[in-house]
Amino acid sequence: ENNENTTKHTEVFCDRRRPCITLPGPDR
């Protein structure tokens, strides 16, 4: 919560060493 430096889009890091996905949400 209170996250300011978000991009508008989902980011999917397709790295077999550490797959990660980061998703935007409303209200920061």
PDB file of all heavy atoms in Angstrom:
ATOM      1  N   GLU A   1       0.843  -1.187   0.000  1.00  0.00           N
ATOM      2  CA  GLU A   1       0.000   0.000   0.000  1.00  0.00           C
ATOM      3  C   GLU A   1       0.879   1.238   0.000  1.00  0.00           C
ATOM      4  O   GLU A   1       2.058   1.180   0.359  1.00  0.00           O
ATOM      5  CB  GLU A   1      -0.929  -0.002   1.222  1.00  0.00           C
ATOM      6  CG  GLU A   1      -1.941  -1.143   1.211  1.00  0.00           C
ATOM      7  CD  GLU A   1      -2.828  -1.148   2.430  1.00  0.00           C
ATOM      8  OE1 GLU A   1      -2.456  -0.496   3.431  1.00  0.00           O
ATOM      9  OE2 GLU A   1      -3.889  -1.796   2.401  1.00  0.00           O
ATOM     10  N   ASN A   2       0.295   2.369  -0.435  1.00  0.00           N
ATOM     11  CA  ASN A   2       1.042   3.637  -0.520  1.00  0.00           C
ATOM     12  C   ASN A   2       2.293   3.478  -1.378  1.00  0.00           C
ATOM     13  O   ASN A   2       3.364   3.991  -1.059  1.00  0.00           O
ATOM     14  CB  ASN A   2       1.423   4.140   0.879  1.00  0.00           C
ATOM     15  CG  ASN A   2       0.207   4.365   1.745  1.00  0.00           C
ATOM     16  OD1 ASN A   2      -0.796   4.898   1.271  1.00  0.00           O
ATOM     17  ND2 ASN A   2       0.275   3.961   3.003  1.00  0.00           N
ATOM     18  N   ASN A   3       2.122   2.774  -2.476  1.00  0.00           N
ATOM     19  CA  ASN A   3       3.229   2.510  -3.414  1.00  0.00           C
ATOM     20  C   ASN A   3       3.184   3.570  -4.524  1.00  0.00           C
ATOM     21  O   ASN A   3       2.204   3.659  -5.264  1.00  0.00           O
ATOM     22  CB  ASN A   3       3.063   1.113  -4.007  1.00  0.00           C
ATOM     23  CG  ASN A   3       4.256   0.715  -4.855  1.00  0.00           C
ATOM     24  OD1 ASN A   3       5.282   0.344  -4.328  1.00  0.00           O
ATOM     25  ND2 ASN A   3       4.112   0.801  -6.170  1.00  0.00           N
ATOM     26  N   GLU A   4       4.234   4.390  -4.651  1.00  0.00           N
ATOM     27  CA  GLU A   4       4.208   5.541  -5.549  1.00  0.00           C
ATOM     28  C   GLU A   4       4.842   5.304  -6.916  1.00  0.00           C
ATOM     29  O   GLU A   4       4.440   5.926  -7.890  1.00  0.00           O
ATOM     30  CB  GLU A   4       4.918   6.730  -4.876  1.00  0.00           C
ATOM     31  CG  GLU A   4       4.242   7.219  -3.617  1.00  0.00           C
ATOM     32  CD  GLU A   4       2.931   7.944  -3.901  1.00  0.00           C
ATOM     33  OE1 GLU A   4       2.592   8.121  -5.081  1.00  0.00           O
ATOM     34  OE2 GLU A   4       2.250   8.330  -2.933  1.00  0.00           O
ATOM     35  N   ASN A   5       5.824   4.432  -7.010  1.00  0.00           N
ATOM     36  CA  ASN A   5       6.605   4.360  -8.252  1.00  0.00           C
ATOM     37  C   ASN A   5       6.094   3.262  -9.186  1.00  0.00           C
ATOM     38  O   ASN A   5       6.861   2.590  -9.852  1.00  0.00           O
ATOM     39  CB  ASN A   5       8.084   4.137  -7.942  1.00  0.00           C
ATOM     40  CG  ASN A   5       8.352   2.774  -7.311  1.00  0.00           C
ATOM     41  OD1 ASN A   5       7.454   2.143  -6.789  1.00  0.00           O
ATOM     42  ND2 ASN A   5       9.610   2.335  -7.374  1.00  0.00           N
ATOM     43  N   THR A   6       4.787   3.088  -9.257  1.00  0.00           N
ATOM     44  CA  THR A   6       4.230   2.009 -10.064  1.00  0.00           C
ATOM     45  C   THR A   6       4.104   2.423 -11.525  1.00  0.00           C
ATOM     46  O   THR A   6       3.812   3.575 -11.844  1.00  0.00           O
ATOM     47  CB  THR A   6       2.842   1.616  -9.554  1.00  0.00           C
ATOM     48  OG1 THR A   6       1.988   2.765  -9.610  1.00  0.00           O
ATOM     49  CG2 THR A   6       2.905   1.114  -8.126  1.00  0.00           C
ATOM     50  N   THR A   7       4.333   1.456 -12.392  1.00  0.00           N
ATOM     51  CA  THR A   7       3.955   1.613 -13.784  1.00  0.00           C
ATOM     52  C   THR A   7       2.484   1.255 -13.922  1.00  0.00           C
ATOM     53  O   THR A   7       1.922   0.566 -13.063  1.00  0.00           O
ATOM     54  CB  THR A   7       4.797   0.703 -14.687  1.00  0.00           C
ATOM     55  OG1 THR A   7       4.293   0.787 -16.035  1.00  0.00           O
ATOM     56  CG2 THR A   7       4.713  -0.752 -14.248  1.00  0.00           C
ATOM     57  N   LYS A   8       1.859   1.715 -14.971  1.00  0.00           N
ATOM     58  CA  LYS A   8       0.437   1.425 -15.185  1.00  0.00           C
ATOM     59  C   LYS A   8       0.209  -0.050 -15.439  1.00  0.00           C
ATOM     60  O   LYS A   8      -0.873  -0.578 -15.161  1.00  0.00           O
ATOM     61  CB  LYS A   8      -0.071   2.255 -16.366  1.00  0.00           C
ATOM     62  CG  LYS A   8      -1.497   1.949 -16.770  1.00  0.00           C
ATOM     63  CD  LYS A   8      -1.908   2.751 -17.991  1.00  0.00           C
ATOM     64  CE  LYS A   8      -3.331   2.402 -18.421  1.00  0.00           C
ATOM     65  NZ  LYS A   8      -3.765   3.165 -19.616  1.00  0.00           N
ATOM     66  N   HIS A   9       1.216  -0.743 -15.970  1.00  0.00           N
ATOM     67  CA  HIS A   9       1.009  -2.097 -16.464  1.00  0.00           C
ATOM     68  C   HIS A   9       1.532  -3.162 -15.497  1.00  0.00           C
ATOM     69  O   HIS A   9       2.349  -2.888 -14.614  1.00  0.00           O
ATOM     70  CB  HIS A   9       1.702  -2.264 -17.817  1.00  0.00           C
ATOM     71  CG  HIS A   9       1.204  -1.308 -18.861  1.00  0.00           C
ATOM     72  ND1 HIS A   9      -0.082  -1.351 -19.345  1.00  0.00           N
ATOM     73  CD2 HIS A   9       1.821  -0.285 -19.499  1.00  0.00           C
ATOM     74  CE1 HIS A   9      -0.235  -0.383 -20.252  1.00  0.00           C
ATOM     75  NE2 HIS A   9       0.888   0.271 -20.357  1.00  0.00           N
ATOM     76  N   THR A  10       1.048  -4.364 -15.719  1.00  0.00           N
ATOM     77  CA  THR A  10       1.637  -5.530 -15.066  1.00  0.00           C
ATOM     78  C   THR A  10       3.023  -5.778 -15.669  1.00  0.00           C
ATOM     79  O   THR A  10       3.214  -5.634 -16.882  1.00  0.00           O
ATOM     80  CB  THR A  10       0.752  -6.766 -15.284  1.00  0.00           C
ATOM     81  OG1 THR A  10      -0.466  -6.595 -14.569  1.00  0.00           O
ATOM     82  CG2 THR A  10       1.432  -8.036 -14.813  1.00  0.00           C
ATOM     83  N   GLU A  11       3.972  -6.146 -14.826  1.00  0.00           N
ATOM     84  CA  GLU A  11       5.311  -6.508 -15.297  1.00  0.00           C
ATOM     85  C   GLU A  11       5.552  -7.977 -14.950  1.00  0.00           C
ATOM     86  O   GLU A  11       5.372  -8.383 -13.800  1.00  0.00           O
ATOM     87  CB  GLU A  11       6.371  -5.631 -14.658  1.00  0.00           C
ATOM     88  CG  GLU A  11       6.269  -4.163 -15.073  1.00  0.00           C
ATOM     89  CD  GLU A  11       7.329  -3.313 -14.423  1.00  0.00           C
ATOM     90  OE1 GLU A  11       7.442  -3.338 -13.178  1.00  0.00           O
ATOM     91  OE2 GLU A  11       8.075  -2.624 -15.154  1.00  0.00           O
ATOM     92  N   VAL A  12       5.968  -8.742 -15.962  1.00  0.00           N
ATOM     93  CA  VAL A  12       6.198 -10.175 -15.786  1.00  0.00           C
ATOM     94  C   VAL A  12       7.670 -10.446 -16.072  1.00  0.00           C
ATOM     95  O   VAL A  12       8.136 -10.275 -17.200  1.00  0.00           O
ATOM     96  CB  VAL A  12       5.310 -11.008 -16.728  1.00  0.00           C
ATOM     97  CG1 VAL A  12       5.473 -12.495 -16.415  1.00  0.00           C
ATOM     98  CG2 VAL A  12       3.844 -10.599 -16.611  1.00  0.00           C
ATOM     99  N   PHE A  13       8.400 -10.859 -15.043  1.00  0.00           N
ATOM    100  CA  PHE A  13       9.830 -11.137 -15.160  1.00  0.00           C
ATOM    101  C   PHE A  13      10.012 -12.641 -15.371  1.00  0.00           C
ATOM    102  O   PHE A  13       9.920 -13.429 -14.425  1.00  0.00           O
ATOM    103  CB  PHE A  13      10.565 -10.651 -13.913  1.00  0.00           C
ATOM    104  CG  PHE A  13      10.423  -9.173 -13.685  1.00  0.00           C
ATOM    105  CD1 PHE A  13       9.476  -8.688 -12.806  1.00  0.00           C
ATOM    106  CD2 PHE A  13      11.222  -8.268 -14.376  1.00  0.00           C
ATOM    107  CE1 PHE A  13       9.338  -7.324 -12.595  1.00  0.00           C
ATOM    108  CE2 PHE A  13      11.097  -6.911 -14.180  1.00  0.00           C
ATOM    109  CZ  PHE A  13      10.141  -6.425 -13.288  1.00  0.00           C
ATOM    110  N   CYS A  14      10.255 -13.021 -16.621  1.00  0.00           N
ATOM    111  CA  CYS A  14      10.309 -14.435 -17.010  1.00  0.00           C
ATOM    112  C   CYS A  14      11.739 -14.954 -16.861  1.00  0.00           C
ATOM    113  O   CYS A  14      12.397 -15.326 -17.846  1.00  0.00           O
ATOM    114  CB  CYS A  14       9.786 -14.605 -18.429  1.00  0.00           C
ATOM    115  SG  CYS A  14       8.135 -13.926 -18.685  1.00  0.00           S
ATOM    116  N   ASP A  15      12.195 -14.952 -15.648  1.00  0.00           N
ATOM    117  CA  ASP A  15      13.552 -15.359 -15.314  1.00  0.00           C
ATOM    118  C   ASP A  15      13.454 -16.680 -14.562  1.00  0.00           C
ATOM    119  O   ASP A  15      12.904 -16.743 -13.463  1.00  0.00           O
ATOM    120  CB  ASP A  15      14.196 -14.285 -14.439  1.00  0.00           C
ATOM    121  CG  ASP A  15      15.659 -14.579 -14.114  1.00  0.00           C
ATOM    122  OD1 ASP A  15      16.107 -15.721 -14.360  1.00  0.00           O
ATOM    123  OD2 ASP A  15      16.326 -13.663 -13.602  1.00  0.00           O
ATOM    124  N   ARG A  16      14.001 -17.751 -15.147  1.00  0.00           N
ATOM    125  CA  ARG A  16      13.853 -19.066 -14.527  1.00  0.00           C
ATOM    126  C   ARG A  16      14.486 -19.122 -13.139  1.00  0.00           C
ATOM    127  O   ARG A  16      14.127 -19.957 -12.317  1.00  0.00           O
ATOM    128  CB  ARG A  16      14.462 -20.144 -15.428  1.00  0.00           C
ATOM    129  CG  ARG A  16      15.967 -20.069 -15.585  1.00  0.00           C
ATOM    130  CD  ARG A  16      16.492 -21.128 -16.530  1.00  0.00           C
ATOM    131  NE  ARG A  16      17.941 -21.069 -16.658  1.00  0.00           N
ATOM    132  CZ  ARG A  16      18.796 -21.697 -15.853  1.00  0.00           C
ATOM    133  NH1 ARG A  16      18.330 -22.432 -14.861  1.00  0.00           N
ATOM    134  NH2 ARG A  16      20.103 -21.587 -16.028  1.00  0.00           N
ATOM    135  N   ARG A  17      15.429 -18.197 -12.861  1.00  0.00           N
ATOM    136  CA  ARG A  17      16.069 -18.184 -11.539  1.00  0.00           C
ATOM    137  C   ARG A  17      15.122 -17.639 -10.460  1.00  0.00           C
ATOM    138  O   ARG A  17      15.227 -18.014  -9.295  1.00  0.00           O
ATOM    139  CB  ARG A  17      17.340 -17.339 -11.585  1.00  0.00           C
ATOM    140  CG  ARG A  17      18.408 -17.895 -12.528  1.00  0.00           C
ATOM    141  CD  ARG A  17      19.503 -16.888 -12.757  1.00  0.00           C
ATOM    142  NE  ARG A  17      18.990 -15.672 -13.387  1.00  0.00           N
ATOM    143  CZ  ARG A  17      19.744 -14.631 -13.734  1.00  0.00           C
ATOM    144  NH1 ARG A  17      21.056 -14.657 -13.483  1.00  0.00           N
ATOM    145  NH2 ARG A  17      19.212 -13.569 -14.313  1.00  0.00           N
ATOM    146  N   ARG A  18      14.198 -16.739 -10.858  1.00  0.00           N
ATOM    147  CA  ARG A  18      13.222 -16.205  -9.916  1.00  0.00           C
ATOM    148  C   ARG A  18      12.072 -15.570 -10.705  1.00  0.00           C
ATOM    149  O   ARG A  18      12.023 -14.356 -10.895  1.00  0.00           O
ATOM    150  CB  ARG A  18      13.826 -15.152  -8.991  1.00  0.00           C
ATOM    151  CG  ARG A  18      12.806 -14.542  -8.012  1.00  0.00           C
ATOM    152  CD  ARG A  18      12.395 -15.521  -6.941  1.00  0.00           C
ATOM    153  NE  ARG A  18      13.488 -15.712  -5.992  1.00  0.00           N
ATOM    154  CZ  ARG A  18      13.506 -16.704  -5.102  1.00  0.00           C
ATOM    155  NH1 ARG A  18      12.511 -17.579  -5.060  1.00  0.00           N
ATOM    156  NH2 ARG A  18      14.526 -16.837  -4.271  1.00  0.00           N
ATOM    157  N   PRO A  19      11.160 -16.382 -11.217  1.00  0.00           N
ATOM    158  CA  PRO A  19      10.000 -15.811 -11.898  1.00  0.00           C
ATOM    159  C   PRO A  19       9.236 -14.874 -10.953  1.00  0.00           C
ATOM    160  O   PRO A  19       9.082 -15.153  -9.763  1.00  0.00           O
ATOM    161  CB  PRO A  19       9.167 -17.037 -12.264  1.00  0.00           C
ATOM    162  CG  PRO A  19      10.167 -18.162 -12.311  1.00  0.00           C
ATOM    163  CD  PRO A  19      11.162 -17.853 -11.246  1.00  0.00           C
ATOM    164  N   CYS A  20       8.788 -13.767 -11.523  1.00  0.00           N
ATOM    165  CA  CYS A  20       8.100 -12.761 -10.710  1.00  0.00           C
ATOM    166  C   CYS A  20       7.069 -12.050 -11.570  1.00  0.00           C
ATOM    167  O   CYS A  20       7.267 -11.842 -12.778  1.00  0.00           O
ATOM    168  CB  CYS A  20       9.111 -11.747 -10.165  1.00  0.00           C
ATOM    169  SG  CYS A  20       8.380 -10.244  -9.480  1.00  0.00           S
ATOM    170  N   ILE A  21       5.957 -11.672 -10.948  1.00  0.00           N
ATOM    171  CA  ILE A  21       4.968 -10.833 -11.597  1.00  0.00           C
ATOM    172  C   ILE A  21       4.565  -9.750 -10.615  1.00  0.00           C
ATOM    173  O   ILE A  21       4.430  -9.997  -9.415  1.00  0.00           O
ATOM    174  CB  ILE A  21       3.741 -11.662 -12.062  1.00  0.00           C
ATOM    175  CG1 ILE A  21       2.715 -10.753 -12.758  1.00  0.00           C
ATOM    176  CG2 ILE A  21       3.098 -12.405 -10.903  1.00  0.00           C
ATOM    177  CD1 ILE A  21       1.600 -11.525 -13.439  1.00  0.00           C
ATOM    178  N   THR A  22       4.428  -8.532 -11.114  1.00  0.00           N
ATOM    179  CA  THR A  22       3.993  -7.419 -10.281  1.00  0.00           C
ATOM    180  C   THR A  22       2.811  -6.736 -10.962  1.00  0.00           C
ATOM    181  O   THR A  22       2.866  -6.420 -12.148  1.00  0.00           O
ATOM    182  CB  THR A  22       5.135  -6.420 -10.012  1.00  0.00           C
ATOM    183  OG1 THR A  22       4.598  -5.225  -9.452  1.00  0.00           O
ATOM    184  CG2 THR A  22       5.910  -6.082 -11.268  1.00  0.00           C
ATOM    185  N   LEU A  23       1.733  -6.562 -10.203  1.00  0.00           N
ATOM    186  CA  LEU A  23       0.467  -6.119 -10.770  1.00  0.00           C
ATOM    187  C   LEU A  23       0.020  -4.812 -10.139  1.00  0.00           C
ATOM    188  O   LEU A  23       0.120  -4.628  -8.918  1.00  0.00           O
ATOM    189  CB  LEU A  23      -0.625  -7.171 -10.549  1.00  0.00           C
ATOM    190  CG  LEU A  23      -0.336  -8.584 -11.048  1.00  0.00           C
ATOM    191  CD1 LEU A  23       0.143  -9.460  -9.900  1.00  0.00           C
ATOM    192  CD2 LEU A  23      -1.572  -9.201 -11.681  1.00  0.00           C
ATOM    193  N   PRO A  24      -0.525  -3.883 -10.964  1.00  0.00           N
ATOM    194  CA  PRO A  24      -1.008  -2.611 -10.422  1.00  0.00           C
ATOM    195  C   PRO A  24      -2.329  -2.803  -9.692  1.00  0.00           C
ATOM    196  O   PRO A  24      -3.059  -3.769  -9.916  1.00  0.00           O
ATOM    197  CB  PRO A  24      -1.208  -1.759 -11.676  1.00  0.00           C
ATOM    198  CG  PRO A  24      -1.556  -2.763 -12.743  1.00  0.00           C
ATOM    199  CD  PRO A  24      -0.742  -3.991 -12.412  1.00  0.00           C
ATOM    200  N   GLY A  25      -2.631  -1.875  -8.822  1.00  0.00           N
ATOM    201  CA  GLY A  25      -3.905  -1.875  -8.125  1.00  0.00           C
ATOM    202  C   GLY A  25      -4.396  -0.462  -7.930  1.00  0.00           C
ATOM    203  O   GLY A  25      -3.646   0.504  -8.105  1.00  0.00           O
ATOM    204  N   PRO A  26      -5.649  -0.296  -7.553  1.00  0.00           N
ATOM    205  CA  PRO A  26      -6.177   1.046  -7.299  1.00  0.00           C
ATOM    206  C   PRO A  26      -5.670   1.596  -5.973  1.00  0.00           C
ATOM    207  O   PRO A  26      -5.133   0.859  -5.136  1.00  0.00           O
ATOM    208  CB  PRO A  26      -7.688   0.805  -7.257  1.00  0.00           C
ATOM    209  CG  PRO A  26      -7.823  -0.604  -6.788  1.00  0.00           C
ATOM    210  CD  PRO A  26      -6.651  -1.346  -7.364  1.00  0.00           C
ATOM    211  N   ASP A  27      -5.836   2.890  -5.808  1.00  0.00           N
ATOM    212  CA  ASP A  27      -5.544   3.536  -4.526  1.00  0.00           C
ATOM    213  C   ASP A  27      -4.109   3.290  -4.070  1.00  0.00           C
ATOM    214  O   ASP A  27      -3.845   2.990  -2.907  1.00  0.00           O
ATOM    215  CB  ASP A  27      -6.535   3.077  -3.452  1.00  0.00           C
ATOM    216  CG  ASP A  27      -7.988   3.278  -3.873  1.00  0.00           C
ATOM    217  OD1 ASP A  27      -8.265   4.315  -4.490  1.00  0.00           O
ATOM    218  OD2 ASP A  27      -8.812   2.389  -3.594  1.00  0.00           O
ATOM    219  N   ARG A  28      -3.164   3.377  -5.039  1.00  0.00           N
ATOM    220  CA  ARG A  28      -1.722   3.282  -4.733  1.00  0.00           C
ATOM    221  C   ARG A  28      -1.340   1.933  -4.133  1.00  0.00           C
ATOM    222  O   ARG A  28      -0.501   1.840  -3.245  1.00  0.00           O
ATOM    223  CB  ARG A  28      -1.309   4.426  -3.814  1.00  0.00           C
ATOM    224  CG  ARG A  28      -1.500   5.804  -4.424  1.00  0.00           C
ATOM    225  CD  ARG A  28      -1.519   6.886  -3.368  1.00  0.00           C
ATOM    226  NE  ARG A  28      -0.276   6.914  -2.618  1.00  0.00           N
ATOM    227  CZ  ARG A  28      -0.192   7.372  -1.375  1.00  0.00           C
ATOM    228  NH1 ARG A  28      -1.266   7.777  -0.740  1.00  0.00           N
ATOM    229  NH2 ARG A  28       0.977   7.398  -0.769  1.00  0.00           N
TER     230      ARG A  28
END
